[in-house]
Amino acid sequence: MTPRGTDHHDGSLAAADLLQAALGLASDLDLPTVLQRFVSASADLTGAKYAAINVLDARGRSTTFVHTGIDDRLAAMLGRPPHAIGVLGSIPSHGTLRLDDLMHHPTFKGFPPNHPPMGSFLGAAVRVRDRVFGYLYLSEKAGGFTDEDDEAVITLAAAAAVAIQNAQMYAESERREHWLRAGQQITTMLLSGAEEEEVLAQIAASSREVAGADTAALVLPGLSDTWVMEIVDGVGADELIGTVMPPDGRARTVLRDGNGLVVDSLSRARAMRVDAMRQFGPALYAPMQSDGRGVGVLVLLRRSGSAPFGPSDLATAETYAAQAALALVLAEARHAQDVAALLDERERIARDLHDLAIQQLFATGMQLETVRRRAARGVDPSELTGIVEDALDNVDSTVRQIRSIVHALRDPDASAPLAERLRREASLARTGLGFAPSLVITVDGRVLDSAEALDGDAGAIDDRVGEDMGDDVVAVVREGLANAARHARATAVAVRIDVGGEGPTGRITVEVEDDGAGLPPERDRKSGTDNLAARARRHGGTFTLGATSEGRGTLLTWQAPFSGRASA
């Protein structure tokens, strides 16, 4: 491009520069990059020393201010972007405002402190049709701006407006995608059996990150008819948590009406009765509703002076809040169903104990009573032997029945072969992961169900592993798949079971490997992995959890010898 401060004597060169600048604007969808290219190209094409663009929201407030010609130190001293008042407010929506000296304009109000002196000025609206996205400011061109500068700026502003519109639409679509992913993560956590407290904390943390907020809070039902900020993530969490929302406040109104709202500034709001919220500026309230039932309110907050939330922010936050509410309601219904199933199971166990074990013990007791009475009458002991042996057989049968009932209580599917139980775990994990994990079971080097496998391989697994260790193997696979679903953000998960050898040299190895984000630097909740380590120690085995050999993802390894003795 032509160096800044020179004139364009060659019209074809200027046209070529203008075309190149316009094409450069259309080549990027990153808004800050588009804006910086625009102001730099405008200054280069016109020879202006200073150039800036002020991007406005739907209400005419500045959301982004990009400049060139002023260093960052001086820009920091100037503070907030200029308002569209005075000379800047006189720029027409069509055409340009060209001044030889802006200080002589009747609307000039003076420069703010530390502002460099400026004389010649050229301003133009950046718009598509009748929608103005912002205003371009150019100043300090030697000899003043010309008609050619007007034409160049108008042409470039039109190209910039389209580029800005495209960049904003792209950014909005990315935000919607991030909201969608956050909602899917919440659903996955609930389906994976995560604790409700953990899910609520994730809802707040995800929404704060995606919305670009400084703080996110969940207003949830408290005692009696109160609604309380129970979950808070971000700035001022210690001050906000536990805050009881006023009965006629914004949060309760949003919950009652089912419609979200945006507040420009809480610090300037007249009716603000929650003192802890006065430190914030822009706020967004989104109802968490499912089928007309209010579950809570998602509140997003930004510091004073931050960009306000827009209509698209509200729409996406409302969709996310509704999705989170539905997931919580479904989890609540599932919990109620689990409780009902548990009560039914208890009733079944009580019936089995009464009809089988207790009745048989009662009959055994009557047999022993008969022995006692006959022995008291001096009956020959040899005549009592048969009755005692029957009673002992009944006791053994009763013990077996009670063991069977207790075993069924521990795991209704425990009677199924281990290979089938592992396939079931992999199938159930599809819902939480969003895809089916791979499962490979190997016996003495032969892959189960392959052409090389023997007919007795599936049975050999149960014979060697045993019932007690089989339960632990299923628990290890279940925990490994659940961790991958909750934390890994993986696209592939592989489960490998290797059974090899017999007797003292026999060993089973379980591996669960994912290609996800890997282990976090700090893990707050380690109860699941502690349980896996304890299960390994019971059988004289080992447990490790670390990065894969490629350095990406996580590898869980659990192994135990068949000859290991489980201890209490």
Protein backbone atom coordinates (compact mmCIF):
# COMPACT_ATOMS: atom_id res chain seq x y z
CA MET A 1 0.00 0.00 0.00
CA THR A 2 1.01 3.62 -0.38
CA PRO A 3 2.97 4.87 2.65
CA ARG A 4 0.96 6.91 5.09
CA GLY A 5 1.13 10.64 4.47
CA THR A 6 1.66 10.50 0.66
CA ASP A 7 -0.79 11.54 -2.05
CA HIS A 8 -2.28 9.26 -4.70
CA HIS A 9 -1.41 10.80 -8.06
CA ASP A 10 -1.96 7.61 -10.01
CA GLY A 11 -5.69 6.86 -10.09
CA SER A 12 -5.23 3.27 -11.27
CA LEU A 13 -2.79 2.61 -8.42
CA ALA A 14 -5.25 4.06 -5.91
CA ALA A 15 -8.03 1.92 -7.34
CA ALA A 16 -5.84 -1.16 -7.12
CA ASP A 17 -4.94 -0.35 -3.52
CA LEU A 18 -8.60 0.17 -2.69
CA LEU A 19 -9.58 -3.16 -4.24
CA GLN A 20 -6.78 -4.95 -2.44
CA ALA A 21 -7.84 -3.41 0.87
CA ALA A 22 -11.48 -4.38 0.33
CA LEU A 23 -10.52 -7.95 -0.51
CA GLY A 24 -8.29 -8.09 2.54
CA LEU A 25 -11.24 -7.18 4.76
CA ALA A 26 -13.36 -9.97 3.32
CA SER A 27 -10.66 -12.60 3.90
CA ASP A 28 -11.03 -12.85 7.68
CA LEU A 29 -13.89 -13.70 10.05
CA ASP A 30 -12.14 -12.60 13.24
CA LEU A 31 -13.72 -9.28 14.23
CA PRO A 32 -10.69 -7.66 15.91
CA THR A 33 -8.55 -8.52 12.87
CA VAL A 34 -11.15 -7.10 10.47
CA LEU A 35 -11.39 -3.85 12.43
CA GLN A 36 -7.62 -3.41 12.69
CA ARG A 37 -7.20 -4.01 8.96
CA PHE A 38 -9.95 -1.51 8.24
CA VAL A 39 -8.49 1.37 10.24
CA SER A 40 -4.96 0.64 8.95
CA ALA A 41 -6.15 0.50 5.32
CA SER A 42 -8.18 3.70 5.76
CA ALA A 43 -5.15 5.54 7.13
CA ASP A 44 -2.87 4.18 4.41
CA LEU A 45 -5.22 5.00 1.54
CA THR A 46 -5.96 8.55 2.70
CA GLY A 47 -2.64 9.47 4.29
CA ALA A 48 -4.23 10.20 7.68
CA LYS A 49 -1.98 10.16 10.74
CA TYR A 50 -4.77 8.95 13.05
CA ALA A 51 -7.60 6.51 12.32
CA ALA A 52 -10.17 4.78 14.50
CA ILE A 53 -13.44 2.88 14.23
CA ASN A 54 -16.08 2.98 16.91
CA VAL A 55 -18.39 -0.10 16.72
CA LEU A 56 -21.80 0.45 18.26
CA ASP A 57 -24.52 -1.87 19.55
CA ALA A 58 -28.21 -1.67 18.66
CA ARG A 59 -28.69 1.14 21.19
CA GLY A 60 -25.83 3.26 19.85
CA ARG A 61 -23.38 2.44 22.62
CA SER A 62 -19.72 1.77 21.92
CA THR A 63 -18.80 -1.93 22.16
CA THR A 64 -15.43 -1.93 20.39
CA PHE A 65 -12.96 0.86 19.67
CA VAL A 66 -9.95 0.15 17.43
CA HIS A 67 -7.38 2.80 16.54
CA THR A 68 -4.05 3.37 14.85
CA GLY A 69 -1.54 6.23 15.14
CA ILE A 70 -1.78 6.43 18.96
CA ASP A 71 0.44 4.16 21.04
CA ASP A 72 -1.04 1.91 23.70
CA ARG A 73 0.35 3.97 26.58
CA LEU A 74 -1.38 7.11 25.41
CA ALA A 75 -4.56 5.20 24.61
CA ALA A 76 -4.61 3.88 28.19
CA MET A 77 -4.27 7.45 29.49
CA LEU A 78 -7.25 8.55 27.36
CA GLY A 79 -9.43 5.93 29.03
CA ARG A 80 -12.87 5.05 27.68
CA PRO A 81 -13.74 5.32 23.95
CA PRO A 82 -15.24 8.63 22.81
CA HIS A 83 -19.01 9.01 22.70
CA ALA A 84 -20.77 9.83 19.45
CA ILE A 85 -21.46 13.42 20.50
CA GLY A 86 -20.15 16.79 19.38
CA VAL A 87 -18.28 16.57 16.10
CA LEU A 88 -18.42 12.76 16.19
CA GLY A 89 -22.19 12.92 16.59
CA SER A 90 -22.49 15.10 13.48
CA ILE A 91 -21.26 12.40 11.10
CA PRO A 92 -24.14 11.59 8.71
CA SER A 93 -25.40 8.04 8.17
CA HIS A 94 -24.86 8.58 4.42
CA GLY A 95 -21.87 10.36 2.93
CA THR A 96 -19.02 11.86 4.95
CA LEU A 97 -18.21 14.74 7.27
CA ARG A 98 -15.04 16.46 6.00
CA LEU A 99 -13.47 19.33 7.95
CA ASP A 100 -10.32 21.36 7.43
CA ASP A 101 -10.13 21.90 11.20
CA LEU A 102 -12.56 20.07 13.49
CA MET A 103 -11.88 22.57 16.31
CA HIS A 104 -13.73 25.22 14.25
CA HIS A 105 -16.88 23.09 13.97
CA PRO A 106 -19.81 24.57 15.96
CA THR A 107 -20.35 21.30 17.86
CA PHE A 108 -16.73 20.94 18.97
CA LYS A 109 -16.61 20.50 22.77
CA GLY A 110 -12.86 20.28 23.28
CA PHE A 111 -10.44 17.36 23.63
CA PRO A 112 -10.26 15.15 26.71
CA PRO A 113 -7.08 15.29 28.85
CA ASN A 114 -3.93 13.84 27.22
CA HIS A 115 -5.59 13.81 23.77
CA PRO A 116 -3.20 14.76 20.95
CA PRO A 117 -4.15 17.86 18.94
CA MET A 118 -6.04 17.16 15.71
CA GLY A 119 -7.07 19.46 12.89
CA SER A 120 -8.22 18.02 9.56
CA PHE A 121 -10.97 15.44 9.96
CA LEU A 122 -12.91 12.94 7.84
CA GLY A 123 -15.73 10.86 9.30
CA ALA A 124 -18.02 8.27 7.70
CA ALA A 125 -20.62 5.77 8.80
CA VAL A 126 -19.86 2.07 8.40
CA ARG A 127 -23.17 0.61 7.33
CA VAL A 128 -24.99 -2.06 5.35
CA ARG A 129 -28.15 -0.56 3.82
CA ASP A 130 -29.75 1.37 6.68
CA ARG A 131 -27.99 -0.44 9.52
CA VAL A 132 -25.04 1.48 10.95
CA PHE A 133 -22.40 -0.73 12.57
CA GLY A 134 -20.18 2.13 13.67
CA TYR A 135 -18.24 5.20 12.55
CA LEU A 136 -14.81 5.74 11.03
CA TYR A 137 -12.74 8.68 12.27
CA LEU A 138 -9.71 9.96 10.29
CA SER A 139 -7.62 12.95 11.26
CA GLU A 140 -4.41 14.87 10.60
CA LYS A 141 -3.70 14.59 6.90
CA ALA A 142 -1.14 17.00 5.55
CA GLY A 143 -2.92 19.42 3.21
CA GLY A 144 -6.36 18.19 4.25
CA PHE A 145 -8.66 15.45 2.92
CA THR A 146 -9.88 15.43 -0.69
CA ASP A 147 -12.85 14.24 -2.75
CA GLU A 148 -10.82 11.15 -3.65
CA ASP A 149 -10.44 10.42 0.06
CA ASP A 150 -14.22 10.69 0.47
CA GLU A 151 -14.81 8.16 -2.29
CA ALA A 152 -12.15 5.78 -0.97
CA VAL A 153 -13.49 5.91 2.57
CA ILE A 154 -17.11 5.36 1.47
CA THR A 155 -16.10 2.37 -0.66
CA LEU A 156 -13.89 0.87 2.02
CA ALA A 157 -16.52 1.48 4.73
CA ALA A 158 -19.09 -0.43 2.69
CA ALA A 159 -16.70 -3.38 2.34
CA ALA A 160 -15.83 -3.15 6.04
CA ALA A 161 -19.50 -3.14 7.04
CA VAL A 162 -20.11 -6.39 5.17
CA ALA A 163 -16.95 -7.91 6.70
CA ILE A 164 -18.01 -6.77 10.19
CA GLN A 165 -21.49 -8.20 9.67
CA ASN A 166 -20.04 -11.53 8.54
CA ALA A 167 -17.60 -11.60 11.47
CA GLN A 168 -20.39 -10.83 13.95
CA MET A 169 -22.61 -13.54 12.46
CA TYR A 170 -19.72 -16.01 12.60
CA ALA A 171 -18.95 -15.09 16.21
CA GLU A 172 -22.62 -15.46 17.11
CA SER A 173 -22.79 -18.90 15.50
CA GLU A 174 -19.67 -19.92 17.44
CA ARG A 175 -21.25 -18.74 20.68
CA ARG A 176 -24.38 -20.77 19.91
CA GLU A 177 -22.20 -23.82 19.27
CA HIS A 178 -20.39 -23.28 22.58
CA TRP A 179 -23.73 -22.99 24.38
CA LEU A 180 -24.87 -26.22 22.72
CA ARG A 181 -21.71 -28.05 23.78
CA ALA A 182 -22.11 -26.79 27.33
CA GLY A 183 -25.69 -28.10 27.40
CA GLN A 184 -24.60 -31.48 26.04
CA GLN A 185 -21.93 -31.68 28.73
CA ILE A 186 -24.54 -31.12 31.45
CA THR A 187 -26.77 -33.85 30.01
CA THR A 188 -23.81 -36.23 29.77
CA MET A 189 -22.86 -35.62 33.39
CA LEU A 190 -26.38 -36.34 34.60
CA LEU A 191 -26.71 -39.48 32.48
CA SER A 192 -23.33 -40.63 33.79
CA GLY A 193 -24.61 -40.46 37.34
CA ALA A 194 -22.78 -37.31 38.49
CA GLU A 195 -23.87 -35.73 41.76
CA GLU A 196 -26.43 -32.93 41.40
CA GLU A 197 -24.17 -30.47 43.26
CA GLU A 198 -21.38 -31.15 40.76
CA VAL A 199 -23.76 -30.65 37.83
CA LEU A 200 -25.07 -27.34 39.19
CA ALA A 201 -21.51 -26.08 39.67
CA GLN A 202 -20.73 -27.05 36.07
CA ILE A 203 -23.83 -25.20 34.80
CA ALA A 204 -22.61 -22.00 36.46
CA ALA A 205 -18.98 -22.40 35.36
CA SER A 206 -19.84 -23.26 31.73
CA SER A 207 -22.34 -20.42 31.32
CA ARG A 208 -19.88 -17.88 32.77
CA GLU A 209 -17.16 -18.98 30.37
CA VAL A 210 -19.33 -19.17 27.25
CA ALA A 211 -21.12 -15.87 27.88
CA GLY A 212 -17.92 -13.99 28.65
CA ALA A 213 -19.32 -13.02 32.04
CA ASP A 214 -17.34 -12.26 35.18
CA THR A 215 -19.79 -14.09 37.44
CA ALA A 216 -22.53 -16.68 37.03
CA ALA A 217 -25.02 -17.59 39.72
CA LEU A 218 -27.88 -20.06 40.06
CA VAL A 219 -30.92 -18.96 42.03
CA LEU A 220 -32.55 -22.09 43.43
CA PRO A 221 -35.46 -22.80 45.81
CA GLY A 222 -34.64 -22.47 49.51
CA LEU A 223 -36.68 -22.94 52.65
CA SER A 224 -40.40 -22.12 52.57
CA ASP A 225 -41.05 -19.75 49.67
CA THR A 226 -37.54 -18.29 49.44
CA TRP A 227 -35.18 -18.39 46.46
CA VAL A 228 -31.47 -18.24 47.16
CA MET A 229 -28.22 -17.83 45.22
CA GLU A 230 -26.93 -21.30 46.06
CA ILE A 231 -24.28 -21.72 43.34
CA VAL A 232 -21.95 -18.83 42.41
CA ASP A 233 -18.90 -18.99 40.14
CA GLY A 234 -16.56 -16.06 39.53
CA VAL A 235 -16.02 -12.57 40.94
CA GLY A 236 -17.69 -11.82 44.28
CA ALA A 237 -18.74 -15.43 44.89
CA ASP A 238 -18.18 -15.21 48.66
CA GLU A 239 -20.38 -12.12 48.91
CA LEU A 240 -23.18 -13.41 46.68
CA ILE A 241 -23.56 -17.01 47.80
CA GLY A 242 -26.48 -17.49 50.17
CA THR A 243 -28.18 -14.24 49.10
CA VAL A 244 -31.98 -14.41 49.44
CA MET A 245 -33.62 -12.83 46.41
CA PRO A 246 -36.33 -10.20 47.10
CA PRO A 247 -39.92 -11.47 46.50
CA ASP A 248 -40.57 -8.77 43.88
CA GLY A 249 -37.02 -8.60 42.50
CA ARG A 250 -35.85 -9.33 38.97
CA ALA A 251 -34.97 -12.99 39.60
CA ARG A 252 -38.39 -13.77 41.06
CA THR A 253 -40.11 -11.86 38.25
CA VAL A 254 -38.19 -13.82 35.61
CA LEU A 255 -39.06 -17.06 37.38
CA ARG A 256 -42.73 -16.13 37.63
CA ASP A 257 -43.15 -14.82 34.08
CA GLY A 258 -40.83 -17.27 32.35
CA ASN A 259 -39.21 -14.48 30.31
CA GLY A 260 -35.55 -13.53 30.60
CA LEU A 261 -34.33 -9.96 30.79
CA VAL A 262 -31.18 -7.90 30.31
CA VAL A 263 -30.11 -5.04 32.58
CA ASP A 264 -27.68 -2.40 31.30
CA SER A 265 -26.12 -1.70 34.70
CA LEU A 266 -26.97 -2.97 38.17
CA SER A 267 -24.67 -0.37 39.73
CA ARG A 268 -26.86 2.41 38.30
CA ALA A 269 -30.21 0.64 38.82
CA ARG A 270 -32.59 2.53 41.08
CA ALA A 271 -34.45 -0.49 42.44
CA MET A 272 -31.47 -2.57 43.56
CA ARG A 273 -32.01 -4.04 47.02
CA VAL A 274 -29.22 -6.65 46.91
CA ASP A 275 -26.13 -4.68 47.95
CA ALA A 276 -23.70 -7.40 46.88
CA MET A 277 -24.87 -7.02 43.27
CA ARG A 278 -24.21 -3.27 43.07
CA GLN A 279 -20.58 -3.95 42.17
CA PHE A 280 -21.68 -5.23 38.75
CA GLY A 281 -22.75 -3.49 35.58
CA PRO A 282 -24.48 -5.48 32.82
CA ALA A 283 -26.64 -8.41 33.97
CA LEU A 284 -28.66 -11.15 32.31
CA TYR A 285 -31.43 -13.22 33.90
CA ALA A 286 -32.52 -16.47 32.19
CA PRO A 287 -35.30 -18.67 33.62
CA MET A 288 -34.57 -22.36 34.12
CA GLN A 289 -37.95 -23.79 33.21
CA SER A 290 -39.18 -27.18 32.04
CA ASP A 291 -42.78 -27.74 30.96
CA GLY A 292 -43.92 -24.62 32.81
CA ARG A 293 -42.17 -25.58 36.04
CA GLY A 294 -39.61 -23.11 37.38
CA VAL A 295 -36.45 -24.90 38.50
CA GLY A 296 -34.32 -21.81 39.04
CA VAL A 297 -32.80 -18.72 37.42
CA LEU A 298 -29.42 -18.37 35.72
CA VAL A 299 -27.88 -14.95 36.45
CA LEU A 300 -24.88 -13.71 34.44
CA LEU A 301 -22.98 -10.62 35.59
CA ARG A 302 -20.24 -8.42 34.16
CA ARG A 303 -18.16 -5.75 35.87
CA SER A 304 -19.17 -2.12 35.60
CA GLY A 305 -18.02 -0.59 32.32
CA SER A 306 -18.12 -3.91 30.45
CA ALA A 307 -20.03 -4.43 27.22
CA PRO A 308 -23.74 -5.03 27.83
CA PHE A 309 -25.48 -8.29 27.04
CA GLY A 310 -27.36 -8.27 23.74
CA PRO A 311 -30.55 -9.94 22.48
CA SER A 312 -28.60 -12.87 21.03
CA ASP A 313 -26.88 -13.40 24.39
CA LEU A 314 -30.28 -13.57 26.07
CA ALA A 315 -31.73 -15.97 23.49
CA THR A 316 -28.85 -18.44 23.72
CA ALA A 317 -28.69 -18.22 27.53
CA GLU A 318 -32.43 -18.91 27.76
CA THR A 319 -32.07 -21.98 25.54
CA TYR A 320 -29.15 -23.24 27.64
CA ALA A 321 -31.02 -22.61 30.89
CA ALA A 322 -34.08 -24.46 29.60
CA GLN A 323 -31.92 -27.40 28.50
CA ALA A 324 -30.21 -27.50 31.91
CA ALA A 325 -33.60 -27.36 33.64
CA LEU A 326 -34.91 -30.25 31.56
CA ALA A 327 -31.83 -32.31 32.37
CA LEU A 328 -32.27 -31.62 36.10
CA VAL A 329 -35.96 -32.51 36.00
CA LEU A 330 -35.20 -35.75 34.16
CA ALA A 331 -32.49 -36.56 36.68
CA GLU A 332 -34.95 -35.90 39.48
CA ALA A 333 -37.52 -38.17 37.83
CA ARG A 334 -34.88 -40.86 37.36
CA HIS A 335 -33.96 -40.57 41.04
CA ALA A 336 -37.61 -40.95 42.03
CA GLN A 337 -37.87 -43.97 39.75
CA ASP A 338 -34.74 -45.46 41.34
CA VAL A 339 -36.21 -44.93 44.80
CA ALA A 340 -39.46 -46.63 43.74
CA ALA A 341 -37.48 -49.52 42.24
CA LEU A 342 -35.49 -49.79 45.46
CA LEU A 343 -38.68 -49.99 47.51
CA ASP A 344 -40.06 -52.67 45.19
CA GLU A 345 -36.81 -54.60 45.50
CA ARG A 346 -36.97 -54.40 49.27
CA GLU A 347 -40.50 -55.76 49.21
CA ARG A 348 -39.38 -58.62 46.95
CA ILE A 349 -36.48 -59.44 49.25
CA ALA A 350 -38.82 -59.38 52.25
CA ARG A 351 -41.19 -61.79 50.48
CA ASP A 352 -38.33 -64.11 49.49
CA LEU A 353 -36.95 -64.13 53.02
CA HIS A 354 -40.41 -64.80 54.47
CA ASP A 355 -41.58 -67.38 51.97
CA LEU A 356 -38.29 -69.25 51.59
CA ALA A 357 -35.67 -68.76 54.26
CA ILE A 358 -37.84 -67.94 57.27
CA GLN A 359 -40.38 -70.66 56.54
CA GLN A 360 -37.63 -73.23 56.15
CA LEU A 361 -35.95 -72.11 59.37
CA PHE A 362 -39.30 -72.37 61.12
CA ALA A 363 -39.71 -75.95 59.86
CA THR A 364 -36.15 -76.73 60.99
CA GLY A 365 -36.93 -75.33 64.40
CA MET A 366 -39.98 -77.63 64.68
CA GLN A 367 -37.79 -80.62 63.75
CA LEU A 368 -35.28 -79.72 66.45
CA GLU A 369 -38.11 -79.25 68.95
CA THR A 370 -39.28 -82.79 68.15
CA VAL A 371 -35.77 -84.07 68.83
CA ARG A 372 -35.66 -82.24 72.14
CA ARG A 373 -39.01 -83.67 73.31
CA ARG A 374 -38.13 -87.25 72.29
CA ALA A 375 -34.70 -86.99 73.91
CA ALA A 376 -36.42 -85.86 77.12
CA ARG A 377 -38.58 -89.00 77.06
CA GLY A 378 -35.48 -91.19 76.80
CA VAL A 379 -35.89 -92.21 73.15
CA ASP A 380 -32.94 -94.13 71.70
CA PRO A 381 -30.56 -91.50 70.13
CA SER A 382 -30.22 -93.61 66.99
CA GLU A 383 -33.87 -92.89 66.24
CA LEU A 384 -33.16 -89.16 66.37
CA THR A 385 -30.23 -89.20 63.95
CA GLY A 386 -32.38 -89.04 60.82
CA ILE A 387 -34.34 -86.03 62.12
CA VAL A 388 -31.13 -84.15 63.00
CA GLU A 389 -29.61 -84.85 59.57
CA ASP A 390 -32.77 -83.52 57.87
CA ALA A 391 -32.57 -80.40 60.04
CA LEU A 392 -28.92 -79.85 59.08
CA ASP A 393 -29.79 -80.25 55.39
CA ASN A 394 -32.53 -77.65 55.83
CA VAL A 395 -30.07 -75.26 57.49
CA ASP A 396 -27.62 -75.68 54.60
CA SER A 397 -30.42 -75.06 52.09
CA THR A 398 -31.53 -71.96 53.96
CA VAL A 399 -27.98 -70.57 54.02
CA ARG A 400 -27.73 -71.07 50.24
CA GLN A 401 -31.06 -69.28 49.72
CA ILE A 402 -29.98 -66.31 51.86
CA ARG A 403 -26.67 -66.11 50.01
CA SER A 404 -28.51 -66.14 46.70
CA ILE A 405 -30.82 -63.34 47.85
CA VAL A 406 -27.89 -61.23 49.12
CA HIS A 407 -25.94 -61.80 45.92
CA ALA A 408 -28.90 -60.74 43.80
CA LEU A 409 -29.22 -57.64 45.99
CA ARG A 410 -25.58 -56.68 45.29
CA ASP A 411 -25.88 -56.98 41.51
CA PRO A 412 -29.00 -58.21 39.69
CA ASP A 413 -26.84 -58.99 36.64
CA ALA A 414 -24.13 -60.82 38.59
CA SER A 415 -25.37 -64.21 37.43
CA ALA A 416 -24.57 -63.32 33.80
CA PRO A 417 -21.17 -64.36 32.34
CA LEU A 418 -18.40 -61.77 32.88
CA ALA A 419 -17.93 -61.19 29.14
CA GLU A 420 -21.64 -60.44 28.75
CA ARG A 421 -21.58 -58.03 31.72
CA LEU A 422 -18.61 -56.18 30.19
CA ARG A 423 -20.40 -55.88 26.84
CA ARG A 424 -23.40 -54.46 28.69
CA GLU A 425 -21.24 -51.84 30.42
CA ALA A 426 -19.77 -50.76 27.07
CA SER A 427 -23.25 -50.52 25.55
CA LEU A 428 -24.60 -48.43 28.45
CA ALA A 429 -21.64 -46.04 28.19
CA ARG A 430 -22.71 -45.02 24.67
CA THR A 431 -25.27 -42.58 26.12
CA GLY A 432 -22.79 -40.74 28.33
CA LEU A 433 -19.95 -40.64 25.79
CA GLY A 434 -22.03 -39.84 22.72
CA PHE A 435 -20.43 -42.74 20.85
CA ALA A 436 -19.80 -46.46 21.39
CA PRO A 437 -16.49 -47.36 23.07
CA SER A 438 -14.51 -50.26 21.64
CA LEU A 439 -14.26 -53.44 23.75
CA VAL A 440 -11.64 -56.15 23.15
CA ILE A 441 -11.50 -59.23 25.43
CA THR A 442 -8.47 -61.48 25.01
CA VAL A 443 -8.02 -64.97 26.51
CA ASP A 444 -4.50 -66.46 26.29
CA GLY A 445 -3.76 -64.27 23.27
CA ARG A 446 -7.02 -65.09 21.47
CA VAL A 447 -9.57 -62.32 20.93
CA LEU A 448 -12.99 -63.42 22.13
CA ASP A 449 -15.51 -63.97 19.29
CA SER A 450 -12.73 -63.95 16.69
CA ALA A 451 -12.07 -66.78 14.24
CA GLU A 452 -9.13 -67.95 16.39
CA ALA A 453 -11.16 -68.07 19.63
CA LEU A 454 -12.06 -71.40 21.21
CA ASP A 455 -15.59 -72.34 22.19
CA GLY A 456 -14.69 -72.45 25.86
CA ASP A 457 -12.91 -69.08 26.07
CA ALA A 458 -15.91 -67.21 27.48
CA GLY A 459 -16.36 -69.84 30.18
CA ALA A 460 -12.64 -69.88 30.92
CA ILE A 461 -12.83 -66.22 31.94
CA ASP A 462 -15.41 -66.94 34.66
CA ASP A 463 -13.56 -70.07 35.83
CA ARG A 464 -10.26 -68.27 36.28
CA VAL A 465 -11.42 -64.86 37.48
CA GLY A 466 -14.07 -66.01 39.90
CA GLU A 467 -17.20 -64.29 41.14
CA ASP A 468 -15.63 -61.82 43.59
CA MET A 469 -12.92 -60.56 41.24
CA GLY A 470 -15.43 -60.48 38.37
CA ASP A 471 -17.50 -57.93 40.29
CA ASP A 472 -14.39 -55.77 40.73
CA VAL A 473 -13.48 -56.00 37.02
CA VAL A 474 -16.97 -54.78 36.06
CA ALA A 475 -16.67 -51.92 38.59
CA VAL A 476 -13.27 -50.89 37.16
CA VAL A 477 -14.61 -50.75 33.60
CA ARG A 478 -17.70 -48.86 34.73
CA GLU A 479 -15.67 -46.24 36.61
CA GLY A 480 -13.19 -45.86 33.73
CA LEU A 481 -15.96 -45.25 31.18
CA ALA A 482 -17.76 -42.85 33.54
CA ASN A 483 -14.57 -40.80 34.04
CA ALA A 484 -14.06 -40.59 30.28
CA ALA A 485 -17.63 -39.38 29.81
CA ARG A 486 -17.43 -36.78 32.59
CA HIS A 487 -13.99 -35.27 32.18
CA ALA A 488 -12.12 -36.37 29.06
CA ARG A 489 -14.07 -34.71 26.20
CA ALA A 490 -12.82 -37.66 24.16
CA THR A 491 -13.72 -38.74 20.64
CA ALA A 492 -12.65 -42.37 21.15
CA VAL A 493 -12.44 -44.71 24.14
CA ALA A 494 -10.98 -48.23 24.09
CA VAL A 495 -11.54 -50.92 26.75
CA ARG A 496 -9.12 -53.85 26.73
CA ILE A 497 -9.46 -56.96 28.93
CA ASP A 498 -6.63 -59.47 28.85
CA VAL A 499 -6.92 -62.83 30.65
CA GLY A 500 -3.81 -64.98 30.57
CA GLY A 501 -2.33 -67.97 32.38
CA GLU A 502 -3.66 -70.08 35.23
CA GLY A 503 -2.76 -70.67 38.83
CA PRO A 504 0.01 -68.57 40.39
CA THR A 505 1.05 -67.09 37.03
CA GLY A 506 -2.46 -66.21 35.92
CA ARG A 507 -3.40 -62.54 35.70
CA ILE A 508 -6.19 -60.29 34.41
CA THR A 509 -5.40 -56.82 33.07
CA VAL A 510 -7.96 -54.09 32.45
CA GLU A 511 -7.13 -50.99 30.38
CA VAL A 512 -9.42 -48.04 29.62
CA GLU A 513 -7.80 -45.54 27.23
CA ASP A 514 -9.22 -42.30 25.79
CA ASP A 515 -7.93 -39.60 23.44
CA GLY A 516 -9.36 -36.73 25.46
CA ALA A 517 -7.95 -33.75 27.34
CA GLY A 518 -5.85 -35.79 29.76
CA LEU A 519 -5.63 -35.46 33.52
CA PRO A 520 -6.17 -31.98 35.02
CA PRO A 521 -3.26 -30.47 37.00
CA GLU A 522 -5.35 -30.68 40.17
CA ARG A 523 -8.09 -33.20 40.79
CA ASP A 524 -10.57 -32.26 43.50
CA ARG A 525 -12.59 -35.50 43.49
CA LYS A 526 -10.58 -38.73 43.64
CA SER A 527 -13.03 -41.03 45.43
CA GLY A 528 -13.61 -43.11 42.27
CA THR A 529 -9.92 -43.75 41.59
CA ASP A 530 -9.26 -44.43 45.28
CA ASN A 531 -11.90 -47.15 45.14
CA LEU A 532 -10.21 -48.71 42.10
CA ALA A 533 -6.87 -48.76 43.92
CA ALA A 534 -8.54 -50.40 46.92
CA ARG A 535 -10.11 -53.05 44.70
CA ALA A 536 -6.69 -53.85 43.23
CA ARG A 537 -5.08 -54.16 46.68
CA ARG A 538 -7.77 -56.63 47.78
CA HIS A 539 -6.49 -59.07 45.17
CA GLY A 540 -2.80 -58.29 45.50
CA GLY A 541 -2.85 -56.28 42.26
CA THR A 542 -1.99 -52.76 41.08
CA PHE A 543 -3.77 -49.69 39.69
CA THR A 544 -2.34 -46.74 37.74
CA LEU A 545 -3.87 -43.69 36.05
CA GLY A 546 -1.78 -41.49 33.77
CA ALA A 547 -1.16 -40.15 30.28
CA THR A 548 -1.06 -42.39 27.23
CA SER A 549 2.22 -43.20 25.48
CA GLU A 550 1.42 -40.52 22.87
CA GLY A 551 1.12 -37.93 25.65
CA ARG A 552 -2.53 -37.12 24.89
CA GLY A 553 -5.49 -38.62 26.65
CA THR A 554 -5.65 -40.86 29.71
CA LEU A 555 -4.79 -44.52 30.30
CA LEU A 556 -6.28 -46.43 33.24
CA THR A 557 -4.55 -49.75 34.01
CA TRP A 558 -5.83 -52.25 36.61
CA GLN A 559 -4.41 -55.74 37.04
CA ALA A 560 -4.56 -58.54 39.58
CA PRO A 561 -3.35 -62.15 39.84
CA PHE A 562 -5.90 -64.96 39.96
CA SER A 563 -4.17 -66.42 43.00
CA GLY A 564 -4.48 -63.19 44.96
CA ARG A 565 -6.60 -63.51 48.09
CA ALA A 566 -9.28 -60.91 48.69
CA SER A 567 -9.10 -59.41 52.14
CA ALA A 568 -11.73 -57.58 54.11
